[in-house]
Amino acid sequence: MLAWSAAAPACAEDGDLAGKTVTIYIGNPAGGTYDLIGRLVARHLGVHLRGHPTVIAENMPGAGSLRAAAYIFNVAPKDGTALGIVTETIAVEQALGDPAVQFDAGKFTWLGRVVASNAVEIIWHTAKVQSIEDAKRFEATVAGTGPGNVSEEVPALLNAVIGTKFKIVRGYQAANETMLAMERGEVEAAGVNWSMVKAVKGQWLRDNKIKVLWQEQPTRRADLPDVPALGELGATPEDKQLIGIYANTGAIGRAFLAPPGVPPATAATLRDGFMAMTQDPDFIEDAKKVSADDLDVGTGDEVLEAVQRTLNVPRSVTARARQIFGR
């Protein structure tokens, strides 16, 4: 159980951040998409905020990024100087009663989203498993990046609901490590972001080194028409609703948040500056350099709607999920 002290007092409510240093807390270790996008935003956000504050990025990994979320909610100053990027499953973990959840995801000050996530499960070409049906007959090892991350929870959910036989190998830190582990033969499969696969491992696709088993979306994307979406899986309506909890995380994606209780003028400064940044040609060009050019920008209100949809999942469904995960 994590414990936090009282939050620092809020600053003046005029929204001007001149002379301040804004810290973006990244809930994941260095090297993955959360880190890359967190640092991308840190490089560009300051010039679009009132007062042009200095913006820095700081990694705060732990508990599948829920440590950073709890810190921002309970401890960080509510004056616009503390922001964060945390797991897209933040609302799922709250709905499922994760003990590391010491916050209410619906009460954060959501700024907006840079990239809508399309996590996929990829598997190495030499594995026996090359489809979901294969995974019901043969075991396949999957790289896990910590509790609360879809890399572990979706395979575990599919094992329980549709009878797949994925074996989760824990201890990896981020997507770049899991893909290296696949290449080395340590594991056979990994959950990663589809845009990252296309940008960083395009040669794997061209050489047929990997197969995409599923995409974590309600329906199939146009660029993955032959890959099952999570929203399709499950034999009963309740099964589909259960698996669908993780199909809805993509709308949260790589979103940024601030603590609850940020003064309205400061919240407006942060939200307006964030959206202005996403339209800046310099930001867009820099995004291409870090393989984050598959931008899918969303407003803070759109992210909040996705969070609330997950928090409003029927209790019968979340109770079954907690039983599956032993919570």
C-alpha atoms as a PDB file:
ATOM      1  CA  MET A   1       0.000   0.000   0.000  1.00  0.00           C
ATOM      2  CA  LEU A   2       1.400   3.378  -0.972  1.00  0.00           C
ATOM      3  CA  ALA A   3       1.245   6.304   1.452  1.00  0.00           C
ATOM      4  CA  TRP A   4       1.370   9.972   0.509  1.00  0.00           C
ATOM      5  CA  SER A   5       1.618  13.236   2.375  1.00  0.00           C
ATOM      6  CA  ALA A   6      -0.620  16.254   1.892  1.00  0.00           C
ATOM      7  CA  ALA A   7      -0.426  18.157  -1.384  1.00  0.00           C
ATOM      8  CA  ALA A   8       1.328  21.471  -1.659  1.00  0.00           C
ATOM      9  CA  PRO A   9      -0.895  24.573  -1.785  1.00  0.00           C
ATOM     10  CA  ALA A  10      -2.058  25.856  -5.139  1.00  0.00           C
ATOM     11  CA  CYS A  11      -0.493  28.931  -6.692  1.00  0.00           C
ATOM     12  CA  ALA A  12      -2.304  32.046  -7.862  1.00  0.00           C
ATOM     13  CA  GLU A  13      -5.312  31.398 -10.056  1.00  0.00           C
ATOM     14  CA  ASP A  14      -4.395  33.617 -13.011  1.00  0.00           C
ATOM     15  CA  GLY A  15      -2.995  30.768 -15.069  1.00  0.00           C
ATOM     16  CA  ASP A  16       0.367  32.457 -15.691  1.00  0.00           C
ATOM     17  CA  LEU A  17       3.260  30.020 -15.276  1.00  0.00           C
ATOM     18  CA  ALA A  18       6.072  32.536 -15.844  1.00  0.00           C
ATOM     19  CA  GLY A  19       9.206  31.657 -13.910  1.00  0.00           C
ATOM     20  CA  LYS A  20       7.895  28.212 -13.003  1.00  0.00           C
ATOM     21  CA  THR A  21       9.324  24.789 -13.792  1.00  0.00           C
ATOM     22  CA  VAL A  22       6.734  22.279 -14.957  1.00  0.00           C
ATOM     23  CA  THR A  23       7.628  18.613 -14.414  1.00  0.00           C
ATOM     24  CA  ILE A  24       6.083  15.860 -16.514  1.00  0.00           C
ATOM     25  CA  TYR A  25       6.186  12.661 -14.463  1.00  0.00           C
ATOM     26  CA  ILE A  26       6.469   9.616 -16.717  1.00  0.00           C
ATOM     27  CA  GLY A  27       5.077   6.546 -14.995  1.00  0.00           C
ATOM     28  CA  ASN A  28       7.198   4.137 -17.029  1.00  0.00           C
ATOM     29  CA  PRO A  29      10.948   3.520 -17.373  1.00  0.00           C
ATOM     30  CA  ALA A  30      13.023   5.022 -20.160  1.00  0.00           C
ATOM     31  CA  GLY A  31      12.852   3.543 -23.629  1.00  0.00           C
ATOM     32  CA  GLY A  32       9.182   2.803 -24.269  1.00  0.00           C
ATOM     33  CA  THR A  33       6.498   4.838 -26.001  1.00  0.00           C
ATOM     34  CA  TYR A  34       5.322   6.506 -22.792  1.00  0.00           C
ATOM     35  CA  ASP A  35       8.850   7.770 -22.165  1.00  0.00           C
ATOM     36  CA  LEU A  36       9.416   8.878 -25.754  1.00  0.00           C
ATOM     37  CA  ILE A  37       6.124  10.752 -25.929  1.00  0.00           C
ATOM     38  CA  GLY A  38       6.510  12.222 -22.451  1.00  0.00           C
ATOM     39  CA  ARG A  39       9.866  13.688 -23.413  1.00  0.00           C
ATOM     40  CA  LEU A  40       8.561  14.809 -26.790  1.00  0.00           C
ATOM     41  CA  VAL A  41       5.856  16.864 -25.058  1.00  0.00           C
ATOM     42  CA  ALA A  42       8.370  18.204 -22.516  1.00  0.00           C
ATOM     43  CA  ARG A  43      10.445  19.630 -25.377  1.00  0.00           C
ATOM     44  CA  HIS A  44       7.553  21.549 -26.918  1.00  0.00           C
ATOM     45  CA  LEU A  45       4.864  22.334 -24.362  1.00  0.00           C
ATOM     46  CA  GLY A  46       6.546  25.268 -22.614  1.00  0.00           C
ATOM     47  CA  VAL A  47       6.398  27.664 -25.546  1.00  0.00           C
ATOM     48  CA  HIS A  48       2.636  27.182 -25.762  1.00  0.00           C
ATOM     49  CA  LEU A  49       1.864  27.791 -22.081  1.00  0.00           C
ATOM     50  CA  ARG A  50       1.134  31.222 -20.660  1.00  0.00           C
ATOM     51  CA  GLY A  51       4.364  32.593 -19.194  1.00  0.00           C
ATOM     52  CA  HIS A  52       6.526  30.122 -21.164  1.00  0.00           C
ATOM     53  CA  PRO A  53       7.703  28.029 -18.192  1.00  0.00           C
ATOM     54  CA  THR A  54      10.566  25.568 -18.331  1.00  0.00           C
ATOM     55  CA  VAL A  55       9.246  22.022 -18.837  1.00  0.00           C
ATOM     56  CA  ILE A  56      11.246  18.957 -17.822  1.00  0.00           C
ATOM     57  CA  ALA A  57      10.529  15.223 -17.822  1.00  0.00           C
ATOM     58  CA  GLU A  58      11.178  12.838 -14.947  1.00  0.00           C
ATOM     59  CA  ASN A  59      10.645   9.075 -14.891  1.00  0.00           C
ATOM     60  CA  MET A  60       8.713   7.746 -11.881  1.00  0.00           C
ATOM     61  CA  PRO A  61       8.163   4.034 -12.595  1.00  0.00           C
ATOM     62  CA  GLY A  62       6.472   1.661 -10.198  1.00  0.00           C
ATOM     63  CA  ALA A  63       3.280  -0.390  -9.872  1.00  0.00           C
ATOM     64  CA  GLY A  64       2.725  -0.363 -13.627  1.00  0.00           C
ATOM     65  CA  SER A  65       2.872   3.488 -13.566  1.00  0.00           C
ATOM     66  CA  LEU A  66       0.173   3.696 -10.860  1.00  0.00           C
ATOM     67  CA  ARG A  67       2.803   5.015  -8.436  1.00  0.00           C
ATOM     68  CA  ALA A  68       3.159   8.143 -10.539  1.00  0.00           C
ATOM     69  CA  ALA A  69      -0.608   8.496 -10.874  1.00  0.00           C
ATOM     70  CA  ALA A  70      -1.046   8.302  -7.087  1.00  0.00           C
ATOM     71  CA  TYR A  71       1.731  10.837  -6.558  1.00  0.00           C
ATOM     72  CA  ILE A  72       0.188  13.318  -8.973  1.00  0.00           C
ATOM     73  CA  PHE A  73      -3.278  12.871  -7.453  1.00  0.00           C
ATOM     74  CA  ASN A  74      -2.291  13.054  -3.779  1.00  0.00           C
ATOM     75  CA  VAL A  75       1.039  14.837  -3.398  1.00  0.00           C
ATOM     76  CA  ALA A  76       1.997  16.945  -6.417  1.00  0.00           C
ATOM     77  CA  PRO A  77       1.306  20.693  -6.311  1.00  0.00           C
ATOM     78  CA  LYS A  78      -2.008  21.737  -7.855  1.00  0.00           C
ATOM     79  CA  ASP A  79      -0.580  24.869  -9.451  1.00  0.00           C
ATOM     80  CA  GLY A  80       0.057  23.593 -12.972  1.00  0.00           C
ATOM     81  CA  THR A  81       3.676  22.632 -12.338  1.00  0.00           C
ATOM     82  CA  ALA A  82       3.057  18.870 -12.082  1.00  0.00           C
ATOM     83  CA  LEU A  83       1.806  16.869 -15.048  1.00  0.00           C
ATOM     84  CA  GLY A  84       1.945  13.193 -15.905  1.00  0.00           C
ATOM     85  CA  ILE A  85       1.655  10.474 -18.496  1.00  0.00           C
ATOM     86  CA  VAL A  86       0.623   7.087 -17.096  1.00  0.00           C
ATOM     87  CA  THR A  87      -0.792   3.777 -18.276  1.00  0.00           C
ATOM     88  CA  GLU A  88      -3.766   3.799 -20.606  1.00  0.00           C
ATOM     89  CA  THR A  89      -5.315   1.161 -18.304  1.00  0.00           C
ATOM     90  CA  ILE A  90      -5.580   3.637 -15.431  1.00  0.00           C
ATOM     91  CA  ALA A  91      -9.385   3.466 -15.375  1.00  0.00           C
ATOM     92  CA  VAL A  92      -9.395  -0.321 -15.786  1.00  0.00           C
ATOM     93  CA  GLU A  93      -7.161  -0.719 -12.741  1.00  0.00           C
ATOM     94  CA  GLN A  94      -9.514   1.459 -10.711  1.00  0.00           C
ATOM     95  CA  ALA A  95     -12.560  -0.468 -11.884  1.00  0.00           C
ATOM     96  CA  LEU A  96     -10.890  -3.760 -10.971  1.00  0.00           C
ATOM     97  CA  GLY A  97      -9.879  -2.606  -7.502  1.00  0.00           C
ATOM     98  CA  ASP A  98      -6.094  -2.636  -7.887  1.00  0.00           C
ATOM     99  CA  PRO A  99      -4.690  -1.874  -4.395  1.00  0.00           C
ATOM    100  CA  ALA A 100      -2.118   0.471  -5.960  1.00  0.00           C
ATOM    101  CA  VAL A 101      -4.960   2.722  -7.119  1.00  0.00           C
ATOM    102  CA  GLN A 102      -5.014   5.570  -4.616  1.00  0.00           C
ATOM    103  CA  PHE A 103      -6.822   8.044  -6.836  1.00  0.00           C
ATOM    104  CA  ASP A 104     -10.025   8.586  -8.780  1.00  0.00           C
ATOM    105  CA  ALA A 105      -9.211   8.593 -12.489  1.00  0.00           C
ATOM    106  CA  GLY A 106     -12.378  10.562 -13.204  1.00  0.00           C
ATOM    107  CA  LYS A 107     -11.163  13.487 -11.072  1.00  0.00           C
ATOM    108  CA  PHE A 108      -7.789  14.160 -12.695  1.00  0.00           C
ATOM    109  CA  THR A 109      -7.449  17.304 -14.781  1.00  0.00           C
ATOM    110  CA  TRP A 110      -7.090  15.671 -18.199  1.00  0.00           C
ATOM    111  CA  LEU A 111      -5.215  17.830 -20.720  1.00  0.00           C
ATOM    112  CA  GLY A 112      -5.516  15.733 -23.856  1.00  0.00           C
ATOM    113  CA  ARG A 113      -4.087  12.856 -25.847  1.00  0.00           C
ATOM    114  CA  VAL A 114      -1.218  12.822 -28.323  1.00  0.00           C
ATOM    115  CA  VAL A 115      -1.620   9.291 -29.641  1.00  0.00           C
ATOM    116  CA  ALA A 116      -4.588   6.944 -29.431  1.00  0.00           C
ATOM    117  CA  SER A 117      -3.105   3.603 -28.563  1.00  0.00           C
ATOM    118  CA  ASN A 118      -3.531   0.550 -30.715  1.00  0.00           C
ATOM    119  CA  ALA A 119      -1.736  -2.073 -28.730  1.00  0.00           C
ATOM    120  CA  VAL A 120      -1.266  -5.356 -30.570  1.00  0.00           C
ATOM    121  CA  GLU A 121       0.092  -8.754 -29.640  1.00  0.00           C
ATOM    122  CA  ILE A 122       2.906  -9.854 -31.937  1.00  0.00           C
ATOM    123  CA  ILE A 123       4.463 -13.311 -32.024  1.00  0.00           C
ATOM    124  CA  TRP A 124       7.702 -14.580 -33.534  1.00  0.00           C
ATOM    125  CA  HIS A 125       7.440 -16.539 -36.769  1.00  0.00           C
ATOM    126  CA  THR A 126       9.042 -19.703 -35.332  1.00  0.00           C
ATOM    127  CA  ALA A 127       6.440 -20.134 -32.572  1.00  0.00           C
ATOM    128  CA  LYS A 128       3.852 -22.905 -32.857  1.00  0.00           C
ATOM    129  CA  VAL A 129       1.186 -20.325 -32.145  1.00  0.00           C
ATOM    130  CA  GLN A 130       0.370 -18.153 -35.147  1.00  0.00           C
ATOM    131  CA  SER A 131      -3.276 -17.396 -34.369  1.00  0.00           C
ATOM    132  CA  ILE A 132      -5.648 -17.138 -31.415  1.00  0.00           C
ATOM    133  CA  GLU A 133      -7.012 -20.586 -32.276  1.00  0.00           C
ATOM    134  CA  ASP A 134      -3.453 -21.982 -32.159  1.00  0.00           C
ATOM    135  CA  ALA A 135      -3.077 -20.431 -28.695  1.00  0.00           C
ATOM    136  CA  LYS A 136      -5.951 -22.585 -27.456  1.00  0.00           C
ATOM    137  CA  ARG A 137      -3.958 -25.705 -28.373  1.00  0.00           C
ATOM    138  CA  PHE A 138      -0.328 -24.737 -27.731  1.00  0.00           C
ATOM    139  CA  GLU A 139       1.466 -22.752 -25.046  1.00  0.00           C
ATOM    140  CA  ALA A 140       3.232 -19.534 -26.013  1.00  0.00           C
ATOM    141  CA  THR A 141       5.461 -17.388 -23.806  1.00  0.00           C
ATOM    142  CA  VAL A 142       4.568 -13.701 -23.537  1.00  0.00           C
ATOM    143  CA  ALA A 143       6.771 -10.870 -22.232  1.00  0.00           C
ATOM    144  CA  GLY A 144       5.206  -9.028 -19.294  1.00  0.00           C
ATOM    145  CA  THR A 145       6.029  -5.439 -18.331  1.00  0.00           C
ATOM    146  CA  GLY A 146       4.369  -5.288 -14.939  1.00  0.00           C
ATOM    147  CA  PRO A 147       0.989  -5.615 -13.260  1.00  0.00           C
ATOM    148  CA  GLY A 148      -1.507  -3.118 -14.594  1.00  0.00           C
ATOM    149  CA  ASN A 149      -0.076  -3.213 -18.106  1.00  0.00           C
ATOM    150  CA  VAL A 150      -1.978  -4.738 -20.993  1.00  0.00           C
ATOM    151  CA  SER A 151       1.075  -6.845 -21.857  1.00  0.00           C
ATOM    152  CA  GLU A 152       0.223  -9.064 -18.874  1.00  0.00           C
ATOM    153  CA  GLU A 153      -3.459  -8.528 -18.255  1.00  0.00           C
ATOM    154  CA  VAL A 154      -4.883  -9.156 -21.712  1.00  0.00           C
ATOM    155  CA  PRO A 155      -3.167 -12.560 -22.181  1.00  0.00           C
ATOM    156  CA  ALA A 156      -4.238 -13.559 -18.653  1.00  0.00           C
ATOM    157  CA  LEU A 157      -7.806 -12.494 -19.397  1.00  0.00           C
ATOM    158  CA  LEU A 158      -7.887 -14.437 -22.666  1.00  0.00           C
ATOM    159  CA  ASN A 159      -6.561 -17.513 -20.878  1.00  0.00           C
ATOM    160  CA  ALA A 160      -9.435 -17.349 -18.416  1.00  0.00           C
ATOM    161  CA  VAL A 161     -12.234 -16.357 -20.792  1.00  0.00           C
ATOM    162  CA  ILE A 162     -11.558 -18.083 -24.111  1.00  0.00           C
ATOM    163  CA  GLY A 163      -9.094 -20.792 -23.073  1.00  0.00           C
ATOM    164  CA  THR A 164      -5.787 -19.664 -24.567  1.00  0.00           C
ATOM    165  CA  LYS A 165      -2.538 -20.983 -23.071  1.00  0.00           C
ATOM    166  CA  PHE A 166      -0.272 -17.957 -22.799  1.00  0.00           C
ATOM    167  CA  LYS A 167       2.535 -18.171 -20.250  1.00  0.00           C
ATOM    168  CA  ILE A 168       3.559 -14.740 -18.985  1.00  0.00           C
ATOM    169  CA  VAL A 169       7.272 -14.154 -18.414  1.00  0.00           C
ATOM    170  CA  ARG A 170       7.564 -11.148 -16.113  1.00  0.00           C
ATOM    171  CA  GLY A 171      10.383  -8.719 -15.452  1.00  0.00           C
ATOM    172  CA  TYR A 172      10.676  -6.691 -18.646  1.00  0.00           C
ATOM    173  CA  GLN A 173      10.580  -2.912 -18.399  1.00  0.00           C
ATOM    174  CA  ALA A 174       9.285  -1.557 -21.705  1.00  0.00           C
ATOM    175  CA  ALA A 175       8.377  -2.412 -25.286  1.00  0.00           C
ATOM    176  CA  ASN A 176      11.913  -2.107 -26.651  1.00  0.00           C
ATOM    177  CA  GLU A 177      13.085  -4.760 -24.160  1.00  0.00           C
ATOM    178  CA  THR A 178      10.229  -7.115 -24.973  1.00  0.00           C
ATOM    179  CA  MET A 179      10.916  -6.950 -28.698  1.00  0.00           C
ATOM    180  CA  LEU A 180      14.604  -7.605 -28.088  1.00  0.00           C
ATOM    181  CA  ALA A 181      13.605 -10.572 -25.923  1.00  0.00           C
ATOM    182  CA  MET A 182      11.553 -11.949 -28.822  1.00  0.00           C
ATOM    183  CA  GLU A 183      14.477 -11.588 -31.180  1.00  0.00           C
ATOM    184  CA  ARG A 184      16.783 -13.376 -28.721  1.00  0.00           C
ATOM    185  CA  GLY A 185      14.316 -16.225 -28.232  1.00  0.00           C
ATOM    186  CA  GLU A 186      13.654 -15.486 -24.554  1.00  0.00           C
ATOM    187  CA  VAL A 187       9.924 -15.176 -25.257  1.00  0.00           C
ATOM    188  CA  GLU A 188       7.721 -15.783 -28.258  1.00  0.00           C
ATOM    189  CA  ALA A 189       5.218 -12.915 -28.014  1.00  0.00           C
ATOM    190  CA  ALA A 190       4.897  -9.349 -26.765  1.00  0.00           C
ATOM    191  CA  GLY A 191       2.266  -6.653 -26.455  1.00  0.00           C
ATOM    192  CA  VAL A 192       3.425  -3.446 -28.153  1.00  0.00           C
ATOM    193  CA  ASN A 193       1.993  -0.417 -29.895  1.00  0.00           C
ATOM    194  CA  TRP A 194       1.223  -0.972 -33.580  1.00  0.00           C
ATOM    195  CA  SER A 195       2.631   2.409 -34.632  1.00  0.00           C
ATOM    196  CA  MET A 196       5.897   1.536 -32.871  1.00  0.00           C
ATOM    197  CA  VAL A 197       6.089  -1.799 -34.683  1.00  0.00           C
ATOM    198  CA  LYS A 198       5.594  -0.105 -38.055  1.00  0.00           C
ATOM    199  CA  ALA A 199       8.129   2.618 -37.328  1.00  0.00           C
ATOM    200  CA  VAL A 200      10.853   0.668 -35.520  1.00  0.00           C
ATOM    201  CA  LYS A 201      10.416  -2.914 -36.737  1.00  0.00           C
ATOM    202  CA  GLY A 202       9.084  -2.435 -40.229  1.00  0.00           C
ATOM    203  CA  GLN A 203      11.669  -4.893 -41.523  1.00  0.00           C
ATOM    204  CA  TRP A 204      10.120  -7.615 -39.374  1.00  0.00           C
ATOM    205  CA  LEU A 205       6.829  -7.044 -41.148  1.00  0.00           C
ATOM    206  CA  ARG A 206       8.432  -7.028 -44.587  1.00  0.00           C
ATOM    207  CA  ASP A 207      10.375 -10.223 -43.826  1.00  0.00           C
ATOM    208  CA  ASN A 208       7.376 -11.962 -42.178  1.00  0.00           C
ATOM    209  CA  LYS A 209       9.316 -12.341 -38.931  1.00  0.00           C
ATOM    210  CA  ILE A 210       6.215 -11.663 -36.838  1.00  0.00           C
ATOM    211  CA  LYS A 211       2.471 -12.245 -36.902  1.00  0.00           C
ATOM    212  CA  VAL A 212      -0.082  -9.983 -35.257  1.00  0.00           C
ATOM    213  CA  LEU A 213      -2.421 -12.119 -33.132  1.00  0.00           C
ATOM    214  CA  TRP A 214      -4.915  -9.465 -32.052  1.00  0.00           C
ATOM    215  CA  GLN A 215      -5.458  -5.718 -31.807  1.00  0.00           C
ATOM    216  CA  GLU A 216      -6.763  -4.134 -28.628  1.00  0.00           C
ATOM    217  CA  GLN A 217      -9.647  -2.247 -30.197  1.00  0.00           C
ATOM    218  CA  PRO A 218     -13.449  -2.627 -30.210  1.00  0.00           C
ATOM    219  CA  THR A 219     -13.364  -3.190 -34.005  1.00  0.00           C
ATOM    220  CA  ARG A 220     -10.667  -3.799 -36.597  1.00  0.00           C
ATOM    221  CA  ARG A 221      -8.590  -0.880 -37.827  1.00  0.00           C
ATOM    222  CA  ALA A 222      -8.467  -0.234 -41.564  1.00  0.00           C
ATOM    223  CA  ASP A 223      -4.735  -0.988 -41.662  1.00  0.00           C
ATOM    224  CA  LEU A 224      -5.194  -4.329 -39.833  1.00  0.00           C
ATOM    225  CA  PRO A 225      -8.262  -5.770 -41.583  1.00  0.00           C
ATOM    226  CA  ASP A 226      -7.258  -9.418 -41.099  1.00  0.00           C
ATOM    227  CA  VAL A 227      -6.369  -9.188 -37.402  1.00  0.00           C
ATOM    228  CA  PRO A 228      -9.081  -9.968 -34.809  1.00  0.00           C
ATOM    229  CA  ALA A 229     -10.063  -7.111 -32.490  1.00  0.00           C
ATOM    230  CA  LEU A 230     -10.652  -7.757 -28.796  1.00  0.00           C
ATOM    231  CA  GLY A 231     -14.209  -6.544 -29.235  1.00  0.00           C
ATOM    232  CA  GLU A 232     -14.909  -9.626 -31.367  1.00  0.00           C
ATOM    233  CA  LEU A 233     -13.733 -12.195 -28.848  1.00  0.00           C
ATOM    234  CA  GLY A 234     -15.863 -14.066 -26.329  1.00  0.00           C
ATOM    235  CA  ALA A 235     -18.705 -16.580 -26.639  1.00  0.00           C
ATOM    236  CA  THR A 236     -21.322 -14.712 -24.597  1.00  0.00           C
ATOM    237  CA  PRO A 237     -22.350 -11.052 -24.226  1.00  0.00           C
ATOM    238  CA  GLU A 238     -20.745 -10.962 -20.767  1.00  0.00           C
ATOM    239  CA  ASP A 239     -17.526 -12.490 -22.130  1.00  0.00           C
ATOM    240  CA  LYS A 240     -17.423  -9.821 -24.820  1.00  0.00           C
ATOM    241  CA  GLN A 241     -18.067  -7.081 -22.289  1.00  0.00           C
ATOM    242  CA  LEU A 242     -15.337  -8.459 -20.038  1.00  0.00           C
ATOM    243  CA  ILE A 243     -12.715  -8.611 -22.777  1.00  0.00           C
ATOM    244  CA  GLY A 244     -14.003  -5.290 -24.095  1.00  0.00           C
ATOM    245  CA  ILE A 245     -12.785  -3.518 -20.953  1.00  0.00           C
ATOM    246  CA  TYR A 246      -9.338  -3.593 -22.514  1.00  0.00           C
ATOM    247  CA  ALA A 247     -10.612  -2.765 -25.986  1.00  0.00           C
ATOM    248  CA  ASN A 248     -11.625   0.675 -24.727  1.00  0.00           C
ATOM    249  CA  THR A 249      -8.231   1.749 -23.404  1.00  0.00           C
ATOM    250  CA  GLY A 250      -7.008   2.918 -26.806  1.00  0.00           C
ATOM    251  CA  ALA A 251      -9.081   6.113 -26.596  1.00  0.00           C
ATOM    252  CA  ILE A 252      -7.034   7.073 -23.519  1.00  0.00           C
ATOM    253  CA  GLY A 253      -3.780   6.126 -25.204  1.00  0.00           C
ATOM    254  CA  ARG A 254      -0.841   8.410 -24.483  1.00  0.00           C
ATOM    255  CA  ALA A 255      -2.752  11.072 -22.578  1.00  0.00           C
ATOM    256  CA  PHE A 256      -1.515  13.733 -20.165  1.00  0.00           C
ATOM    257  CA  LEU A 257      -3.034  14.680 -16.839  1.00  0.00           C
ATOM    258  CA  ALA A 258      -2.653  17.097 -13.942  1.00  0.00           C
ATOM    259  CA  PRO A 259      -3.866  16.774 -10.347  1.00  0.00           C
ATOM    260  CA  PRO A 260      -7.473  17.398  -9.399  1.00  0.00           C
ATOM    261  CA  GLY A 261      -8.249  20.856  -8.073  1.00  0.00           C
ATOM    262  CA  VAL A 262      -6.028  22.816 -10.442  1.00  0.00           C
ATOM    263  CA  PRO A 263      -7.417  26.393 -10.538  1.00  0.00           C
ATOM    264  CA  PRO A 264      -9.704  26.884 -13.564  1.00  0.00           C
ATOM    265  CA  ALA A 265      -7.502  29.517 -15.215  1.00  0.00           C
ATOM    266  CA  THR A 266      -4.426  27.313 -14.846  1.00  0.00           C
ATOM    267  CA  ALA A 267      -6.300  24.271 -16.145  1.00  0.00           C
ATOM    268  CA  ALA A 268      -7.364  26.332 -19.179  1.00  0.00           C
ATOM    269  CA  THR A 269      -3.750  27.419 -19.737  1.00  0.00           C
ATOM    270  CA  LEU A 270      -2.602  23.794 -19.653  1.00  0.00           C
ATOM    271  CA  ARG A 271      -5.365  22.450 -21.895  1.00  0.00           C
ATOM    272  CA  ASP A 272      -5.196  25.281 -24.440  1.00  0.00           C
ATOM    273  CA  GLY A 273      -1.407  25.116 -24.534  1.00  0.00           C
ATOM    274  CA  PHE A 274      -1.448  21.352 -24.948  1.00  0.00           C
ATOM    275  CA  MET A 275      -3.826  21.485 -27.907  1.00  0.00           C
ATOM    276  CA  ALA A 276      -1.886  24.336 -29.514  1.00  0.00           C
ATOM    277  CA  MET A 277       1.310  22.302 -29.170  1.00  0.00           C
ATOM    278  CA  THR A 278      -0.205  19.360 -31.058  1.00  0.00           C
ATOM    279  CA  GLN A 279      -0.794  21.628 -34.081  1.00  0.00           C
ATOM    280  CA  ASP A 280       2.718  23.107 -34.056  1.00  0.00           C
ATOM    281  CA  PRO A 281       4.697  22.036 -37.171  1.00  0.00           C
ATOM    282  CA  ASP A 282       7.880  21.786 -35.063  1.00  0.00           C
ATOM    283  CA  PHE A 283       6.153  19.374 -32.683  1.00  0.00           C
ATOM    284  CA  ILE A 284       4.780  17.293 -35.558  1.00  0.00           C
ATOM    285  CA  GLU A 285       8.199  17.102 -37.203  1.00  0.00           C
ATOM    286  CA  ASP A 286       9.879  16.119 -33.938  1.00  0.00           C
ATOM    287  CA  ALA A 287       7.224  13.431 -33.416  1.00  0.00           C
ATOM    288  CA  LYS A 288       8.339  11.812 -36.663  1.00  0.00           C
ATOM    289  CA  LYS A 289      11.917  11.626 -35.390  1.00  0.00           C
ATOM    290  CA  VAL A 290      10.896   9.585 -32.344  1.00  0.00           C
ATOM    291  CA  SER A 291       8.576   7.295 -34.296  1.00  0.00           C
ATOM    292  CA  ALA A 292       5.480   8.971 -32.832  1.00  0.00           C
ATOM    293  CA  ASP A 293       4.249  10.417 -36.120  1.00  0.00           C
ATOM    294  CA  ASP A 294       1.015   8.378 -36.043  1.00  0.00           C
ATOM    295  CA  LEU A 295      -0.629  11.223 -34.122  1.00  0.00           C
ATOM    296  CA  ASP A 296      -4.259  10.921 -33.092  1.00  0.00           C
ATOM    297  CA  VAL A 297      -4.926  13.963 -30.943  1.00  0.00           C
ATOM    298  CA  GLY A 298      -7.836  14.051 -28.498  1.00  0.00           C
ATOM    299  CA  THR A 299      -9.061  16.726 -26.106  1.00  0.00           C
ATOM    300  CA  GLY A 300      -9.091  16.408 -22.352  1.00  0.00           C
ATOM    301  CA  ASP A 301     -12.861  16.014 -22.449  1.00  0.00           C
ATOM    302  CA  GLU A 302     -12.591  13.132 -24.933  1.00  0.00           C
ATOM    303  CA  VAL A 303     -10.096  11.350 -22.694  1.00  0.00           C
ATOM    304  CA  LEU A 304     -12.304  11.905 -19.655  1.00  0.00           C
ATOM    305  CA  GLU A 305     -15.269  10.385 -21.524  1.00  0.00           C
ATOM    306  CA  ALA A 306     -13.209   7.243 -22.222  1.00  0.00           C
ATOM    307  CA  VAL A 307     -12.205   7.058 -18.560  1.00  0.00           C
ATOM    308  CA  GLN A 308     -15.799   7.377 -17.419  1.00  0.00           C
ATOM    309  CA  ARG A 309     -17.001   4.686 -19.843  1.00  0.00           C
ATOM    310  CA  THR A 310     -14.636   2.227 -18.197  1.00  0.00           C
ATOM    311  CA  LEU A 311     -15.537   3.308 -14.674  1.00  0.00           C
ATOM    312  CA  ASN A 312     -19.206   2.733 -15.515  1.00  0.00           C
ATOM    313  CA  VAL A 313     -18.783  -0.929 -16.569  1.00  0.00           C
ATOM    314  CA  PRO A 314     -21.376  -3.084 -14.713  1.00  0.00           C
ATOM    315  CA  ARG A 315     -20.251  -4.439 -11.373  1.00  0.00           C
ATOM    316  CA  SER A 316     -21.002  -8.005 -12.421  1.00  0.00           C
ATOM    317  CA  VAL A 317     -18.383  -7.703 -15.158  1.00  0.00           C
ATOM    318  CA  THR A 318     -15.722  -6.102 -12.971  1.00  0.00           C
ATOM    319  CA  ALA A 319     -16.407  -8.661 -10.225  1.00  0.00           C
ATOM    320  CA  ARG A 320     -15.691 -11.474 -12.669  1.00  0.00           C
ATOM    321  CA  ALA A 321     -12.522  -9.739 -13.812  1.00  0.00           C
ATOM    322  CA  ARG A 322     -11.329  -9.330 -10.211  1.00  0.00           C
ATOM    323  CA  GLN A 323     -11.915 -13.031  -9.654  1.00  0.00           C
ATOM    324  CA  ILE A 324      -9.834 -13.863 -12.737  1.00  0.00           C
ATOM    325  CA  PHE A 325      -6.970 -11.666 -11.586  1.00  0.00           C
ATOM    326  CA  GLY A 326      -7.222 -12.815  -7.983  1.00  0.00           C
ATOM    327  CA  ARG A 327      -8.063  -9.390  -6.570  1.00  0.00           C
END
